[in-house]
């Protein structure tokens, strides 16, 4: 596919999705929102893509939602009936939420490689990824409070599951910047790399390790972890029992067991 605001490539089973509006600090325009969903739908349905890396071109990872897009919402939703105007706004918000949920919905793991600023909607975006990594120059801010709004596309729902409620309240109420080291300390990112180059190399290495595993098992593992986050232990145990009753007896299982016994590297179908 051709994209206006993204750059997408696939090599060695790793799909790399780059936010590509560097002249606008990768601000998330209306087109970018739609293209993010399209890109991760493509990753999901493309067998050769076993894992995805999300990163940004230019100085910033992303400056968050494009304010011009927000200012243009009025004419888009306006109706002579106040109730219908508000219904239209709700549908816009739900659609933006769905765009970011496309990262979770994607059956393949998504690794976010963050450099520079990750602001406002950028945090909504990266909290949908399976794992987050950053370079030492990265910084983060839940910026919505400073433009007089409540964050509404995922940060307030997902971030407490990652770092704990107390720190989320502080960050969301104050809008203060926090740096790469604090992001690691609170558990938002898994690792901090010294430079952007080291970040990309390190994340590609992790992605390559994942891509070498059983694709069917990786997809199942993502499904189970995401399900368990939002359900009870009992429900999650029941789900994995049903899942493995359907998926366990696969060619991947046979290949992995035979390769282990022969001390070889297994080779899996996409």
C-alpha atoms as a PDB file:
ATOM      1  CA  UNK A   1       0.000   0.000   0.000  1.00  0.00           C
ATOM      2  CA  UNK A   2       0.968   3.604  -0.552  1.00  0.00           C
ATOM      3  CA  UNK A   3       0.792   5.894   2.472  1.00  0.00           C
ATOM      4  CA  UNK A   4       0.781   9.678   2.738  1.00  0.00           C
ATOM      5  CA  UNK A   5       1.871   9.957   6.382  1.00  0.00           C
ATOM      6  CA  UNK A   6       3.635   6.653   7.046  1.00  0.00           C
ATOM      7  CA  UNK A   7       6.542   4.690   5.660  1.00  0.00           C
ATOM      8  CA  UNK A   8       6.047   0.918   5.832  1.00  0.00           C
ATOM      9  CA  UNK A   9       8.556  -1.807   4.978  1.00  0.00           C
ATOM     10  CA  UNK A  10       8.895  -5.556   5.467  1.00  0.00           C
ATOM     11  CA  UNK A  11      12.224  -7.369   5.742  1.00  0.00           C
ATOM     12  CA  UNK A  12      13.160 -10.681   7.351  1.00  0.00           C
ATOM     13  CA  UNK A  13       9.624 -11.104   8.712  1.00  0.00           C
ATOM     14  CA  UNK A  14       9.819  -7.713  10.514  1.00  0.00           C
ATOM     15  CA  UNK A  15       7.379  -5.000   9.446  1.00  0.00           C
ATOM     16  CA  UNK A  16       8.622  -1.501  10.252  1.00  0.00           C
ATOM     17  CA  UNK A  17       5.940   1.200  10.460  1.00  0.00           C
ATOM     18  CA  UNK A  18       7.367   4.730  10.586  1.00  0.00           C
ATOM     19  CA  UNK A  19       5.416   7.876  11.371  1.00  0.00           C
ATOM     20  CA  UNK A  20       6.527  10.054   8.480  1.00  0.00           C
ATOM     21  CA  UNK A  21       5.566  13.711   8.930  1.00  0.00           C
ATOM     22  CA  UNK A  22       8.933  14.943  10.244  1.00  0.00           C
ATOM     23  CA  UNK A  23       8.287  18.510   9.102  1.00  0.00           C
ATOM     24  CA  UNK A  24       5.219  18.523  11.383  1.00  0.00           C
ATOM     25  CA  UNK A  25       6.908  16.690  14.296  1.00  0.00           C
ATOM     26  CA  UNK A  26       4.875  13.624  13.256  1.00  0.00           C
ATOM     27  CA  UNK A  27       1.706  15.301  14.513  1.00  0.00           C
ATOM     28  CA  UNK A  28      -1.147  12.844  14.090  1.00  0.00           C
ATOM     29  CA  UNK A  29      -3.338  14.267  11.341  1.00  0.00           C
ATOM     30  CA  UNK A  30      -6.704  12.845  10.277  1.00  0.00           C
ATOM     31  CA  UNK A  31      -4.957  10.984   7.461  1.00  0.00           C
ATOM     32  CA  UNK A  32      -2.340   9.534   9.802  1.00  0.00           C
ATOM     33  CA  UNK A  33      -5.004   8.208  12.173  1.00  0.00           C
ATOM     34  CA  UNK A  34      -6.638   6.297   9.329  1.00  0.00           C
ATOM     35  CA  UNK A  35      -3.328   5.095   7.902  1.00  0.00           C
ATOM     36  CA  UNK A  36      -2.135   3.747  11.263  1.00  0.00           C
ATOM     37  CA  UNK A  37      -5.187   1.490  11.349  1.00  0.00           C
ATOM     38  CA  UNK A  38      -4.668   0.455   7.725  1.00  0.00           C
ATOM     39  CA  UNK A  39      -0.996  -0.348   8.342  1.00  0.00           C
ATOM     40  CA  UNK A  40      -1.648  -2.582  11.339  1.00  0.00           C
ATOM     41  CA  UNK A  41      -4.521  -4.295   9.577  1.00  0.00           C
ATOM     42  CA  UNK A  42      -2.003  -5.036   6.819  1.00  0.00           C
ATOM     43  CA  UNK A  43       0.514  -6.399   9.349  1.00  0.00           C
ATOM     44  CA  UNK A  44      -2.224  -8.562  10.840  1.00  0.00           C
ATOM     45  CA  UNK A  45      -3.255 -10.203   7.550  1.00  0.00           C
ATOM     46  CA  UNK A  46       0.211 -10.498   5.957  1.00  0.00           C
ATOM     47  CA  UNK A  47       1.632 -13.939   6.814  1.00  0.00           C
ATOM     48  CA  UNK A  48       5.240 -12.879   6.126  1.00  0.00           C
ATOM     49  CA  UNK A  49       4.984 -10.160   8.797  1.00  0.00           C
ATOM     50  CA  UNK A  50       5.581 -11.931  12.111  1.00  0.00           C
ATOM     51  CA  UNK A  51       6.365  -8.883  14.257  1.00  0.00           C
ATOM     52  CA  UNK A  52       6.099  -5.103  13.826  1.00  0.00           C
ATOM     53  CA  UNK A  53       8.274  -2.195  14.938  1.00  0.00           C
ATOM     54  CA  UNK A  54       6.732   1.276  15.289  1.00  0.00           C
ATOM     55  CA  UNK A  55       9.038   4.299  15.122  1.00  0.00           C
ATOM     56  CA  UNK A  56       9.096   7.910  13.968  1.00  0.00           C
ATOM     57  CA  UNK A  57      11.082   9.903  11.415  1.00  0.00           C
ATOM     58  CA  UNK A  58      12.704  13.220  12.294  1.00  0.00           C
ATOM     59  CA  UNK A  59      13.306  14.941  15.612  1.00  0.00           C
ATOM     60  CA  UNK A  60      10.177  13.737  17.423  1.00  0.00           C
ATOM     61  CA  UNK A  61       8.536  10.358  17.778  1.00  0.00           C
ATOM     62  CA  UNK A  62       5.273  12.307  17.667  1.00  0.00           C
ATOM     63  CA  UNK A  63       3.941  15.612  18.915  1.00  0.00           C
ATOM     64  CA  UNK A  64       0.531  13.974  19.392  1.00  0.00           C
ATOM     65  CA  UNK A  65      -2.777  14.826  17.791  1.00  0.00           C
ATOM     66  CA  UNK A  66      -2.587  17.505  15.100  1.00  0.00           C
ATOM     67  CA  UNK A  67      -4.255  20.607  16.576  1.00  0.00           C
ATOM     68  CA  UNK A  68      -5.427  21.645  13.105  1.00  0.00           C
ATOM     69  CA  UNK A  69      -7.369  18.387  12.970  1.00  0.00           C
ATOM     70  CA  UNK A  70      -9.017  19.191  16.311  1.00  0.00           C
ATOM     71  CA  UNK A  71      -9.887  22.717  15.195  1.00  0.00           C
ATOM     72  CA  UNK A  72     -11.510  21.280  12.075  1.00  0.00           C
ATOM     73  CA  UNK A  73     -13.837  18.991  14.013  1.00  0.00           C
ATOM     74  CA  UNK A  74     -16.534  21.651  14.440  1.00  0.00           C
ATOM     75  CA  UNK A  75     -17.672  21.834  10.814  1.00  0.00           C
ATOM     76  CA  UNK A  76     -17.336  18.046  10.499  1.00  0.00           C
ATOM     77  CA  UNK A  77     -19.792  17.269  13.294  1.00  0.00           C
ATOM     78  CA  UNK A  78     -22.058  20.334  13.176  1.00  0.00           C
ATOM     79  CA  UNK A  79     -25.789  19.696  13.034  1.00  0.00           C
ATOM     80  CA  UNK A  80     -28.776  21.937  13.730  1.00  0.00           C
ATOM     81  CA  UNK A  81     -29.742  19.400  16.387  1.00  0.00           C
ATOM     82  CA  UNK A  82     -27.471  19.643  19.424  1.00  0.00           C
ATOM     83  CA  UNK A  83     -28.008  15.975  20.293  1.00  0.00           C
ATOM     84  CA  UNK A  84     -26.899  14.872  16.817  1.00  0.00           C
ATOM     85  CA  UNK A  85     -23.825  17.097  16.987  1.00  0.00           C
ATOM     86  CA  UNK A  86     -22.788  15.443  20.233  1.00  0.00           C
ATOM     87  CA  UNK A  87     -23.544  11.993  18.838  1.00  0.00           C
ATOM     88  CA  UNK A  88     -21.290  12.766  15.853  1.00  0.00           C
ATOM     89  CA  UNK A  89     -18.473  13.848  18.179  1.00  0.00           C
ATOM     90  CA  UNK A  90     -18.827  10.625  20.160  1.00  0.00           C
ATOM     91  CA  UNK A  91     -18.524   8.625  16.937  1.00  0.00           C
ATOM     92  CA  UNK A  92     -15.356  10.526  15.992  1.00  0.00           C
ATOM     93  CA  UNK A  93     -13.816   9.745  19.394  1.00  0.00           C
ATOM     94  CA  UNK A  94     -14.784   6.067  19.134  1.00  0.00           C
ATOM     95  CA  UNK A  95     -13.195   5.894  15.677  1.00  0.00           C
ATOM     96  CA  UNK A  96      -9.939   7.402  16.965  1.00  0.00           C
ATOM     97  CA  UNK A  97      -9.955   4.907  19.825  1.00  0.00           C
ATOM     98  CA  UNK A  98     -10.427   2.089  17.332  1.00  0.00           C
ATOM     99  CA  UNK A  99      -7.451   3.285  15.306  1.00  0.00           C
ATOM    100  CA  UNK A 100      -5.129   2.825  18.269  1.00  0.00           C
ATOM    101  CA  UNK A 101      -6.786  -0.417  19.340  1.00  0.00           C
ATOM    102  CA  UNK A 102      -5.734  -1.765  15.934  1.00  0.00           C
ATOM    103  CA  UNK A 103      -2.250  -2.264  17.458  1.00  0.00           C
ATOM    104  CA  UNK A 104      -3.737  -4.505  20.150  1.00  0.00           C
ATOM    105  CA  UNK A 105      -6.059  -6.184  17.670  1.00  0.00           C
ATOM    106  CA  UNK A 106      -3.106  -7.019  15.410  1.00  0.00           C
ATOM    107  CA  UNK A 107      -2.206 -10.658  16.110  1.00  0.00           C
ATOM    108  CA  UNK A 108       1.511  -9.922  15.737  1.00  0.00           C
ATOM    109  CA  UNK A 109       3.585  -8.303  18.524  1.00  0.00           C
ATOM    110  CA  UNK A 110       4.162  -4.563  18.118  1.00  0.00           C
ATOM    111  CA  UNK A 111       7.369  -3.033  19.538  1.00  0.00           C
ATOM    112  CA  UNK A 112       7.464   0.762  19.889  1.00  0.00           C
ATOM    113  CA  UNK A 113      10.916   2.370  19.454  1.00  0.00           C
ATOM    114  CA  UNK A 114      10.580   5.892  20.854  1.00  0.00           C
ATOM    115  CA  UNK A 115      13.009   8.791  20.461  1.00  0.00           C
ATOM    116  CA  UNK A 116      12.657  12.507  21.167  1.00  0.00           C
ATOM    117  CA  UNK A 117       9.237  13.748  22.218  1.00  0.00           C
ATOM    118  CA  UNK A 118       6.312  11.386  22.741  1.00  0.00           C
ATOM    119  CA  UNK A 119       3.546  13.824  23.541  1.00  0.00           C
ATOM    120  CA  UNK A 120      -0.184  13.617  24.195  1.00  0.00           C
ATOM    121  CA  UNK A 121      -1.686  11.233  21.653  1.00  0.00           C
ATOM    122  CA  UNK A 122       1.744   9.633  21.297  1.00  0.00           C
ATOM    123  CA  UNK A 123       1.323   8.099  24.755  1.00  0.00           C
ATOM    124  CA  UNK A 124      -2.129   6.847  23.766  1.00  0.00           C
ATOM    125  CA  UNK A 125      -0.435   5.240  20.765  1.00  0.00           C
ATOM    126  CA  UNK A 126       2.527   3.563  22.454  1.00  0.00           C
ATOM    127  CA  UNK A 127       0.483   2.174  25.340  1.00  0.00           C
ATOM    128  CA  UNK A 128      -1.260   0.023  22.717  1.00  0.00           C
ATOM    129  CA  UNK A 129       2.060  -1.594  21.746  1.00  0.00           C
ATOM    130  CA  UNK A 130       3.174  -4.890  23.265  1.00  0.00           C
ATOM    131  CA  UNK A 131       6.474  -3.417  24.463  1.00  0.00           C
ATOM    132  CA  UNK A 132       8.073   0.015  24.496  1.00  0.00           C
ATOM    133  CA  UNK A 133      11.765   0.942  24.234  1.00  0.00           C
ATOM    134  CA  UNK A 134      13.318   4.385  24.031  1.00  0.00           C
ATOM    135  CA  UNK A 135      16.536   6.281  23.482  1.00  0.00           C
ATOM    136  CA  UNK A 136      18.090   8.397  26.233  1.00  0.00           C
ATOM    137  CA  UNK A 137      16.818  11.626  24.631  1.00  0.00           C
ATOM    138  CA  UNK A 138      13.170  10.546  24.816  1.00  0.00           C
ATOM    139  CA  UNK A 139      10.646  12.372  26.945  1.00  0.00           C
ATOM    140  CA  UNK A 140       6.935  11.936  27.521  1.00  0.00           C
ATOM    141  CA  UNK A 141       3.996  14.072  28.601  1.00  0.00           C
ATOM    142  CA  UNK A 142       0.253  13.535  28.963  1.00  0.00           C
ATOM    143  CA  UNK A 143      -0.378  16.902  27.359  1.00  0.00           C
ATOM    144  CA  UNK A 144      -4.164  16.899  27.091  1.00  0.00           C
ATOM    145  CA  UNK A 145      -4.645  18.614  30.459  1.00  0.00           C
ATOM    146  CA  UNK A 146      -2.729  21.646  29.148  1.00  0.00           C
ATOM    147  CA  UNK A 147      -5.154  22.153  26.263  1.00  0.00           C
ATOM    148  CA  UNK A 148      -8.166  21.913  28.542  1.00  0.00           C
ATOM    149  CA  UNK A 149      -9.338  18.391  27.808  1.00  0.00           C
ATOM    150  CA  UNK A 150      -9.439  14.926  29.316  1.00  0.00           C
ATOM    151  CA  UNK A 151      -7.358  12.381  27.390  1.00  0.00           C
ATOM    152  CA  UNK A 152      -9.909  10.209  25.617  1.00  0.00           C
ATOM    153  CA  UNK A 153      -8.273   7.669  23.304  1.00  0.00           C
ATOM    154  CA  UNK A 154      -6.590   5.258  25.696  1.00  0.00           C
ATOM    155  CA  UNK A 155      -3.927   6.729  27.968  1.00  0.00           C
ATOM    156  CA  UNK A 156      -6.160   6.901  31.049  1.00  0.00           C
ATOM    157  CA  UNK A 157      -7.401   3.364  30.416  1.00  0.00           C
ATOM    158  CA  UNK A 158      -4.178   1.566  29.474  1.00  0.00           C
ATOM    159  CA  UNK A 159      -1.436   3.408  31.323  1.00  0.00           C
ATOM    160  CA  UNK A 160      -2.680   2.438  34.829  1.00  0.00           C
ATOM    161  CA  UNK A 161      -2.348  -1.225  33.775  1.00  0.00           C
ATOM    162  CA  UNK A 162       1.314  -0.569  32.950  1.00  0.00           C
ATOM    163  CA  UNK A 163       2.653   1.766  35.639  1.00  0.00           C
ATOM    164  CA  UNK A 164       0.144   2.003  38.481  1.00  0.00           C
ATOM    165  CA  UNK A 165      -2.683   4.364  39.279  1.00  0.00           C
ATOM    166  CA  UNK A 166      -0.885   6.824  41.550  1.00  0.00           C
ATOM    167  CA  UNK A 167       1.809   7.834  39.077  1.00  0.00           C
ATOM    168  CA  UNK A 168      -0.745   8.015  36.243  1.00  0.00           C
ATOM    169  CA  UNK A 169      -2.828  10.442  38.279  1.00  0.00           C
ATOM    170  CA  UNK A 170       0.215  12.635  38.912  1.00  0.00           C
ATOM    171  CA  UNK A 171       1.261  12.663  35.266  1.00  0.00           C
ATOM    172  CA  UNK A 172      -2.265  13.195  33.943  1.00  0.00           C
ATOM    173  CA  UNK A 173      -3.198  15.912  36.451  1.00  0.00           C
ATOM    174  CA  UNK A 174       0.039  17.895  36.053  1.00  0.00           C
ATOM    175  CA  UNK A 175       0.945  17.283  32.409  1.00  0.00           C
ATOM    176  CA  UNK A 176       4.603  17.380  33.428  1.00  0.00           C
ATOM    177  CA  UNK A 177       7.360  16.014  31.247  1.00  0.00           C
ATOM    178  CA  UNK A 178       9.134  12.855  32.352  1.00  0.00           C
ATOM    179  CA  UNK A 179      12.327  11.575  30.830  1.00  0.00           C
ATOM    180  CA  UNK A 180      13.568   8.214  29.561  1.00  0.00           C
ATOM    181  CA  UNK A 181      14.999   7.102  32.893  1.00  0.00           C
ATOM    182  CA  UNK A 182      11.774   7.845  34.758  1.00  0.00           C
ATOM    183  CA  UNK A 183       9.816   6.063  32.032  1.00  0.00           C
ATOM    184  CA  UNK A 184      11.947   2.984  32.682  1.00  0.00           C
ATOM    185  CA  UNK A 185      11.725   3.357  36.459  1.00  0.00           C
ATOM    186  CA  UNK A 186       7.920   3.392  36.408  1.00  0.00           C
ATOM    187  CA  UNK A 187       7.731   0.533  33.917  1.00  0.00           C
ATOM    188  CA  UNK A 188       6.475   2.367  30.832  1.00  0.00           C
ATOM    189  CA  UNK A 189       9.508   1.279  28.779  1.00  0.00           C
ATOM    190  CA  UNK A 190      11.452  -1.957  29.024  1.00  0.00           C
ATOM    191  CA  UNK A 191      14.863  -0.526  28.247  1.00  0.00           C
ATOM    192  CA  UNK A 192      16.640   2.761  27.532  1.00  0.00           C
ATOM    193  CA  UNK A 193      19.299   2.838  24.804  1.00  0.00           C
ATOM    194  CA  UNK A 194      22.097   5.403  24.677  1.00  0.00           C
ATOM    195  CA  UNK A 195      21.285   6.694  21.204  1.00  0.00           C
ATOM    196  CA  UNK A 196      18.657   6.512  18.508  1.00  0.00           C
ATOM    197  CA  UNK A 197      20.910   4.266  16.440  1.00  0.00           C
ATOM    198  CA  UNK A 198      21.386   1.892  19.370  1.00  0.00           C
ATOM    199  CA  UNK A 199      17.622   1.957  19.975  1.00  0.00           C
ATOM    200  CA  UNK A 200      16.798   0.884  16.444  1.00  0.00           C
ATOM    201  CA  UNK A 201      19.495  -1.797  16.393  1.00  0.00           C
ATOM    202  CA  UNK A 202      18.436  -3.154  19.772  1.00  0.00           C
ATOM    203  CA  UNK A 203      14.732  -3.245  18.939  1.00  0.00           C
ATOM    204  CA  UNK A 204      15.426  -4.912  15.592  1.00  0.00           C
ATOM    205  CA  UNK A 205      17.423  -7.582  17.440  1.00  0.00           C
ATOM    206  CA  UNK A 206      14.529  -8.232  19.831  1.00  0.00           C
ATOM    207  CA  UNK A 207      12.090  -8.293  16.900  1.00  0.00           C
ATOM    208  CA  UNK A 208      14.294 -10.780  15.055  1.00  0.00           C
ATOM    209  CA  UNK A 209      14.319 -13.074  18.103  1.00  0.00           C
ATOM    210  CA  UNK A 210      10.517 -12.981  18.203  1.00  0.00           C
ATOM    211  CA  UNK A 211      10.239 -13.520  14.444  1.00  0.00           C
ATOM    212  CA  UNK A 212      12.270 -16.730  14.759  1.00  0.00           C
ATOM    213  CA  UNK A 213       9.739 -18.291  17.153  1.00  0.00           C
ATOM    214  CA  UNK A 214       6.609 -20.240  16.236  1.00  0.00           C
ATOM    215  CA  UNK A 215       4.276 -17.650  14.644  1.00  0.00           C
ATOM    216  CA  UNK A 216       1.195 -19.534  15.811  1.00  0.00           C
ATOM    217  CA  UNK A 217       2.486 -19.678  19.386  1.00  0.00           C
ATOM    218  CA  UNK A 218       3.458 -15.999  19.380  1.00  0.00           C
ATOM    219  CA  UNK A 219      -0.017 -15.037  18.181  1.00  0.00           C
ATOM    220  CA  UNK A 220      -1.570 -17.178  20.905  1.00  0.00           C
ATOM    221  CA  UNK A 221       0.696 -15.709  23.565  1.00  0.00           C
ATOM    222  CA  UNK A 222      -0.285 -12.138  22.607  1.00  0.00           C
ATOM    223  CA  UNK A 223      -3.954 -13.112  22.646  1.00  0.00           C
ATOM    224  CA  UNK A 224      -3.678 -14.655  26.102  1.00  0.00           C
ATOM    225  CA  UNK A 225      -1.718 -11.827  27.742  1.00  0.00           C
ATOM    226  CA  UNK A 226      -4.095  -9.171  26.403  1.00  0.00           C
ATOM    227  CA  UNK A 227      -7.135 -11.228  27.444  1.00  0.00           C
ATOM    228  CA  UNK A 228      -5.752 -11.850  30.938  1.00  0.00           C
ATOM    229  CA  UNK A 229      -5.204  -8.115  31.462  1.00  0.00           C
ATOM    230  CA  UNK A 230      -8.943  -7.492  31.186  1.00  0.00           C
ATOM    231  CA  UNK A 231     -10.398 -10.705  32.686  1.00  0.00           C
ATOM    232  CA  UNK A 232     -10.226 -12.762  35.848  1.00  0.00           C
ATOM    233  CA  UNK A 233      -7.650 -15.507  36.367  1.00  0.00           C
ATOM    234  CA  UNK A 234     -10.423 -18.126  36.184  1.00  0.00           C
ATOM    235  CA  UNK A 235     -11.748 -16.759  32.881  1.00  0.00           C
ATOM    236  CA  UNK A 236      -8.224 -16.534  31.463  1.00  0.00           C
ATOM    237  CA  UNK A 237      -7.358 -20.103  32.433  1.00  0.00           C
ATOM    238  CA  UNK A 238     -10.558 -21.307  30.804  1.00  0.00           C
ATOM    239  CA  UNK A 239      -9.732 -19.388  27.632  1.00  0.00           C
ATOM    240  CA  UNK A 240      -6.194 -20.782  27.306  1.00  0.00           C
ATOM    241  CA  UNK A 241      -7.523 -24.319  27.831  1.00  0.00           C
ATOM    242  CA  UNK A 242      -9.950 -23.808  24.959  1.00  0.00           C
ATOM    243  CA  UNK A 243      -7.317 -22.100  22.803  1.00  0.00           C
ATOM    244  CA  UNK A 244      -4.754 -24.879  23.217  1.00  0.00           C
ATOM    245  CA  UNK A 245      -7.385 -27.562  22.705  1.00  0.00           C
ATOM    246  CA  UNK A 246      -7.760 -25.986  19.256  1.00  0.00           C
ATOM    247  CA  UNK A 247      -4.208 -24.801  18.447  1.00  0.00           C
ATOM    248  CA  UNK A 248      -1.702 -26.897  20.408  1.00  0.00           C
ATOM    249  CA  UNK A 249      -1.405 -29.890  18.072  1.00  0.00           C
ATOM    250  CA  UNK A 250       0.237 -27.944  15.267  1.00  0.00           C
ATOM    251  CA  UNK A 251       3.099 -28.422  12.837  1.00  0.00           C
ATOM    252  CA  UNK A 252       4.934 -25.756  14.840  1.00  0.00           C
ATOM    253  CA  UNK A 253       4.872 -27.979  17.933  1.00  0.00           C
ATOM    254  CA  UNK A 254       6.294 -30.939  16.014  1.00  0.00           C
ATOM    255  CA  UNK A 255       8.955 -28.794  14.324  1.00  0.00           C
ATOM    256  CA  UNK A 256      10.060 -27.203  17.610  1.00  0.00           C
ATOM    257  CA  UNK A 257      10.274 -30.525  19.442  1.00  0.00           C
ATOM    258  CA  UNK A 258      12.206 -32.243  16.628  1.00  0.00           C
ATOM    259  CA  UNK A 259      14.590 -29.296  16.283  1.00  0.00           C
ATOM    260  CA  UNK A 260      15.258 -29.294  20.026  1.00  0.00           C
ATOM    261  CA  UNK A 261      16.049 -32.983  20.042  1.00  0.00           C
ATOM    262  CA  UNK A 262      18.332 -32.595  17.016  1.00  0.00           C
ATOM    263  CA  UNK A 263      19.889 -29.405  18.463  1.00  0.00           C
ATOM    264  CA  UNK A 264      18.921 -27.482  15.315  1.00  0.00           C
ATOM    265  CA  UNK A 265      17.240 -24.149  14.720  1.00  0.00           C
ATOM    266  CA  UNK A 266      13.569 -24.769  13.932  1.00  0.00           C
ATOM    267  CA  UNK A 267      12.005 -23.466  10.739  1.00  0.00           C
ATOM    268  CA  UNK A 268       8.358 -22.437  10.864  1.00  0.00           C
ATOM    269  CA  UNK A 269       5.716 -21.641   8.267  1.00  0.00           C
ATOM    270  CA  UNK A 270       4.376 -18.107   8.285  1.00  0.00           C
END
